[in-house]
């Protein structure tokens, strides 16, 4: 969240989440961070060499 906001100040980050992004869509940073978390999770599972990512080694 600090990269998107440009500061490490907690009060500024919380203040920016109080408003709305566009119309009724809230400005929570969850919408920014969810795709990043999904990519991180896939990469973390791939590093464990567990199915379905170890199919090349299984053959």
N, C-alpha and C. Protein backbone atom coordinates (compact mmCIF):
# COMPACT_ATOMS: atom_id res chain seq x y z
N UNK A 1 0.83 -1.19 0.00
CA UNK A 1 0.00 0.00 0.00
C UNK A 1 0.87 1.25 0.00
N UNK A 2 2.03 1.17 0.60
CA UNK A 2 2.87 2.36 0.67
C UNK A 2 3.41 2.76 -0.70
N UNK A 3 3.57 1.82 -1.60
CA UNK A 3 4.03 2.16 -2.95
C UNK A 3 2.94 2.91 -3.71
N UNK A 4 1.71 2.46 -3.58
CA UNK A 4 0.60 3.12 -4.26
C UNK A 4 0.30 4.50 -3.71
N UNK A 5 0.50 4.68 -2.41
CA UNK A 5 0.22 5.96 -1.76
C UNK A 5 1.41 6.89 -1.88
N UNK A 6 2.60 6.36 -1.76
CA UNK A 6 3.80 7.18 -1.83
C UNK A 6 4.29 7.66 -0.48
N UNK A 7 3.81 7.05 0.60
CA UNK A 7 4.24 7.44 1.94
C UNK A 7 4.15 6.24 2.87
N UNK A 8 4.88 6.30 3.97
CA UNK A 8 4.81 5.26 4.98
C UNK A 8 4.01 5.70 6.20
N UNK A 9 3.41 6.87 6.14
CA UNK A 9 2.63 7.40 7.24
C UNK A 9 1.30 6.67 7.34
N UNK A 10 1.06 6.03 8.50
CA UNK A 10 -0.18 5.29 8.68
C UNK A 10 -1.40 6.20 8.60
N UNK A 11 -1.29 7.39 9.15
CA UNK A 11 -2.44 8.29 9.13
C UNK A 11 -2.80 8.70 7.70
N UNK A 12 -1.82 8.88 6.84
CA UNK A 12 -2.09 9.22 5.44
C UNK A 12 -2.71 8.03 4.71
N UNK A 13 -2.21 6.84 4.94
CA UNK A 13 -2.75 5.65 4.29
C UNK A 13 -4.19 5.42 4.70
N UNK A 14 -4.48 5.54 6.00
CA UNK A 14 -5.85 5.36 6.47
C UNK A 14 -6.75 6.47 5.94
N UNK A 15 -6.24 7.68 5.88
CA UNK A 15 -7.02 8.79 5.36
C UNK A 15 -7.40 8.62 3.90
N UNK A 16 -6.53 8.04 3.12
CA UNK A 16 -6.83 7.83 1.71
C UNK A 16 -7.83 6.70 1.49
N UNK A 17 -7.96 5.80 2.45
CA UNK A 17 -8.92 4.71 2.32
C UNK A 17 -10.32 5.11 2.75
N UNK A 18 -10.48 6.28 3.36
CA UNK A 18 -11.79 6.71 3.83
C UNK A 18 -12.71 7.14 2.69
N UNK A 19 -12.16 7.68 1.62
CA UNK A 19 -12.98 8.19 0.53
C UNK A 19 -13.41 7.10 -0.42
N UNK A 20 -14.00 7.52 -1.52
CA UNK A 20 -14.45 6.59 -2.55
C UNK A 20 -13.53 6.70 -3.75
N UNK A 21 -13.33 5.57 -4.44
CA UNK A 21 -12.47 5.54 -5.62
C UNK A 21 -13.19 6.20 -6.79
N UNK A 22 -14.30 5.63 -7.20
CA UNK A 22 -15.15 6.21 -8.24
C UNK A 22 -16.59 5.86 -7.91
N UNK A 23 -17.35 6.84 -7.58
CA UNK A 23 -18.75 6.60 -7.26
C UNK A 23 -18.91 5.73 -6.03
N UNK A 24 -19.63 4.61 -6.16
CA UNK A 24 -19.87 3.76 -4.99
C UNK A 24 -18.74 2.79 -4.66
N UNK A 25 -17.70 2.75 -5.47
CA UNK A 25 -16.59 1.82 -5.24
C UNK A 25 -15.69 2.38 -4.14
N UNK A 26 -15.53 1.67 -3.02
CA UNK A 26 -14.68 2.17 -1.95
C UNK A 26 -13.21 2.13 -2.34
N UNK A 27 -12.41 2.95 -1.69
CA UNK A 27 -10.99 3.08 -2.03
C UNK A 27 -10.12 2.20 -1.14
N UNK A 28 -10.60 1.02 -0.76
CA UNK A 28 -9.78 0.13 0.05
C UNK A 28 -8.61 -0.37 -0.77
N UNK A 29 -7.48 -0.56 -0.12
CA UNK A 29 -6.31 -1.05 -0.82
C UNK A 29 -6.39 -2.55 -1.08
N UNK A 30 -7.44 -3.20 -0.59
CA UNK A 30 -7.65 -4.61 -0.87
C UNK A 30 -7.73 -4.86 -2.37
N UNK A 31 -8.37 -3.95 -3.09
CA UNK A 31 -8.53 -4.12 -4.53
C UNK A 31 -7.19 -4.02 -5.26
N UNK A 32 -6.25 -3.26 -4.72
CA UNK A 32 -4.92 -3.17 -5.31
C UNK A 32 -4.07 -4.37 -4.94
N UNK A 33 -4.21 -4.82 -3.70
CA UNK A 33 -3.30 -5.84 -3.19
C UNK A 33 -3.75 -7.27 -3.47
N UNK A 34 -5.01 -7.50 -3.77
CA UNK A 34 -5.50 -8.86 -4.01
C UNK A 34 -4.80 -9.51 -5.21
N UNK A 35 -4.68 -8.85 -6.38
CA UNK A 35 -3.96 -9.50 -7.49
C UNK A 35 -2.49 -9.79 -7.15
N UNK A 36 -1.86 -8.91 -6.41
CA UNK A 36 -0.46 -9.14 -6.02
C UNK A 36 -0.35 -10.35 -5.10
N UNK A 37 -1.30 -10.49 -4.19
CA UNK A 37 -1.28 -11.64 -3.28
C UNK A 37 -1.50 -12.94 -4.04
N UNK A 38 -2.38 -12.95 -5.02
CA UNK A 38 -2.63 -14.16 -5.81
C UNK A 38 -1.38 -14.57 -6.58
N UNK A 39 -0.69 -13.60 -7.17
CA UNK A 39 0.55 -13.90 -7.89
C UNK A 39 1.61 -14.42 -6.92
N UNK A 40 1.71 -13.80 -5.74
CA UNK A 40 2.66 -14.27 -4.73
C UNK A 40 2.33 -15.69 -4.30
N UNK A 41 1.07 -15.99 -4.08
CA UNK A 41 0.66 -17.32 -3.62
C UNK A 41 0.99 -18.39 -4.66
N UNK A 42 0.73 -18.11 -5.92
CA UNK A 42 1.05 -19.06 -6.99
C UNK A 42 2.56 -19.30 -7.05
N UNK A 43 3.35 -18.24 -6.93
CA UNK A 43 4.81 -18.38 -6.95
C UNK A 43 5.30 -19.17 -5.74
N UNK A 44 4.71 -18.95 -4.58
CA UNK A 44 5.12 -19.66 -3.37
C UNK A 44 4.80 -21.15 -3.49
N UNK A 45 3.65 -21.49 -4.02
CA UNK A 45 3.30 -22.90 -4.20
C UNK A 45 4.19 -23.54 -5.26
N UNK A 46 4.53 -22.80 -6.30
CA UNK A 46 5.41 -23.34 -7.34
C UNK A 46 6.80 -23.64 -6.80
N UNK A 47 7.27 -22.87 -5.84
CA UNK A 47 8.60 -23.09 -5.27
C UNK A 47 8.66 -24.33 -4.39
N UNK A 48 7.53 -24.81 -3.91
CA UNK A 48 7.55 -26.00 -3.05
C UNK A 48 7.65 -27.30 -3.85
N UNK A 49 7.58 -27.20 -5.18
CA UNK A 49 7.64 -28.37 -6.07
C UNK A 49 6.57 -29.40 -5.75
N UNK A 50 5.38 -28.91 -5.47
CA UNK A 50 4.24 -29.78 -5.21
C UNK A 50 3.29 -29.71 -6.40
N UNK A 51 2.42 -30.70 -6.52
CA UNK A 51 1.47 -30.67 -7.65
C UNK A 51 0.64 -29.40 -7.62
N UNK A 52 0.28 -28.87 -8.74
CA UNK A 52 0.45 -29.33 -10.11
C UNK A 52 1.71 -28.78 -10.76
N UNK A 53 2.63 -28.19 -10.01
CA UNK A 53 3.78 -27.53 -10.61
C UNK A 53 4.97 -28.45 -10.82
N UNK A 54 4.95 -29.67 -10.29
CA UNK A 54 6.10 -30.57 -10.47
C UNK A 54 5.84 -31.63 -11.53
N UNK A 55 4.96 -31.37 -12.46
CA UNK A 55 4.64 -32.36 -13.49
C UNK A 55 5.83 -32.63 -14.41
N UNK A 56 6.68 -31.65 -14.64
CA UNK A 56 7.84 -31.85 -15.50
C UNK A 56 8.81 -32.83 -14.84
N UNK A 57 9.02 -32.73 -13.55
CA UNK A 57 9.93 -33.62 -12.85
C UNK A 57 9.34 -35.01 -12.68
N UNK A 58 8.03 -35.12 -12.68
CA UNK A 58 7.38 -36.42 -12.47
C UNK A 58 7.49 -37.32 -13.69
N UNK A 59 7.68 -36.75 -14.86
CA UNK A 59 7.71 -37.57 -16.07
C UNK A 59 9.02 -38.25 -16.30
